[in-house]
Protein backbone atom coordinates (compact mmCIF):
# COMPACT_ATOMS: atom_id res chain seq x y z
CA MET A 1 131.49 84.77 -95.08
CA LEU A 2 132.91 84.59 -98.60
CA LYS A 3 135.14 81.71 -97.54
CA THR A 4 132.17 79.55 -96.54
CA ILE A 5 130.29 80.41 -99.73
CA TYR A 6 133.44 79.64 -101.72
CA LEU A 7 133.82 76.24 -100.05
CA LEU A 8 130.14 75.44 -100.57
CA VAL A 9 130.16 76.37 -104.27
CA ALA A 10 133.48 74.60 -104.87
CA SER A 11 132.20 71.41 -103.23
CA ILE A 12 129.00 71.55 -105.30
CA CYS A 13 131.15 71.97 -108.38
CA ALA A 14 133.32 69.00 -107.44
CA ILE A 15 130.30 66.79 -106.74
CA LEU A 16 128.67 67.73 -110.06
CA SER A 17 131.94 67.08 -111.89
CA ILE A 18 132.38 63.65 -110.36
CA TYR A 19 128.74 62.72 -111.01
CA SER A 20 128.94 63.91 -114.61
CA LEU A 21 132.15 61.98 -115.15
CA ILE A 22 130.84 58.74 -113.65
CA SER A 23 127.36 58.80 -115.19
CA ASP A 24 128.45 60.17 -118.59
CA ASN A 25 125.67 62.77 -118.28
CA ASP A 26 126.24 65.89 -120.38
CA MET A 27 123.10 67.68 -119.19
CA LEU A 28 124.88 69.08 -116.13
CA ILE A 29 127.60 70.95 -118.03
CA PRO A 30 125.79 74.36 -118.09
CA LEU A 31 125.14 74.12 -114.36
CA LEU A 32 128.74 73.11 -113.78
CA GLN A 33 129.98 76.06 -115.84
CA PHE A 34 127.78 78.41 -113.82
CA PHE A 35 129.17 77.16 -110.51
CA LEU A 36 132.72 77.42 -111.85
CA GLY A 37 132.02 81.02 -112.84
CA VAL A 38 130.69 81.78 -109.36
CA THR A 39 133.76 80.15 -107.81
CA ILE A 40 136.13 82.22 -109.93
CA LEU A 41 134.11 85.38 -109.18
CA ILE A 42 134.39 84.77 -105.43
CA MET A 43 138.13 84.18 -105.82
CA GLY A 44 138.38 87.50 -107.66
CA ILE A 45 136.46 89.38 -104.99
CA GLU A 46 138.67 87.90 -102.26
CA SER A 47 141.79 88.84 -104.23
CA LEU A 48 140.58 92.40 -104.70
CA ARG A 49 139.85 92.68 -100.98
CA SER A 50 143.33 91.47 -100.08
CA LYS A 51 144.95 94.11 -102.33
CA LYS A 52 145.95 91.69 -105.11
CA LYS A 53 144.47 93.76 -107.88
CA ALA A 54 145.97 92.00 -110.89
CA THR A 55 144.80 88.55 -109.81
CA GLY A 56 141.41 89.89 -108.78
CA ILE A 57 140.80 91.65 -112.07
CA ILE A 58 141.82 88.58 -114.07
CA CYS A 59 139.46 86.37 -112.04
CA VAL A 60 136.53 88.79 -112.34
CA VAL A 61 137.05 89.22 -116.10
CA SER A 62 137.32 85.46 -116.63
CA SER A 63 134.14 84.84 -114.63
CA LEU A 64 132.33 87.48 -116.69
CA PHE A 65 133.58 85.71 -119.82
CA ILE A 66 132.17 82.40 -118.53
CA PHE A 67 128.79 84.00 -117.73
CA THR A 68 128.68 85.71 -121.14
CA SER A 69 129.45 82.49 -122.99
CA LEU A 70 126.77 80.67 -120.99
CA PHE A 71 124.25 83.37 -121.80
CA ILE A 72 125.07 83.37 -125.51
CA LYS A 73 125.06 79.59 -125.86
CA TYR A 74 122.02 78.60 -123.81
CA TYR A 75 119.67 81.60 -123.93
């Protein structure tokens, strides 16, 4: 289940990145950062489930950092 969500979010992130790069549109950067944070959070959860605690904790902390910076900057 997490694998399909991970693939969906990662593909959305890739599509938004390519569109933003081609169209020179900077309005999508907060949305792109959010999807990157979700992707890293899912990677962290999968790492914690597979007993890779160090990698999982680093991914979860970095995703929380991304969400915190988004919240501070845009809200």
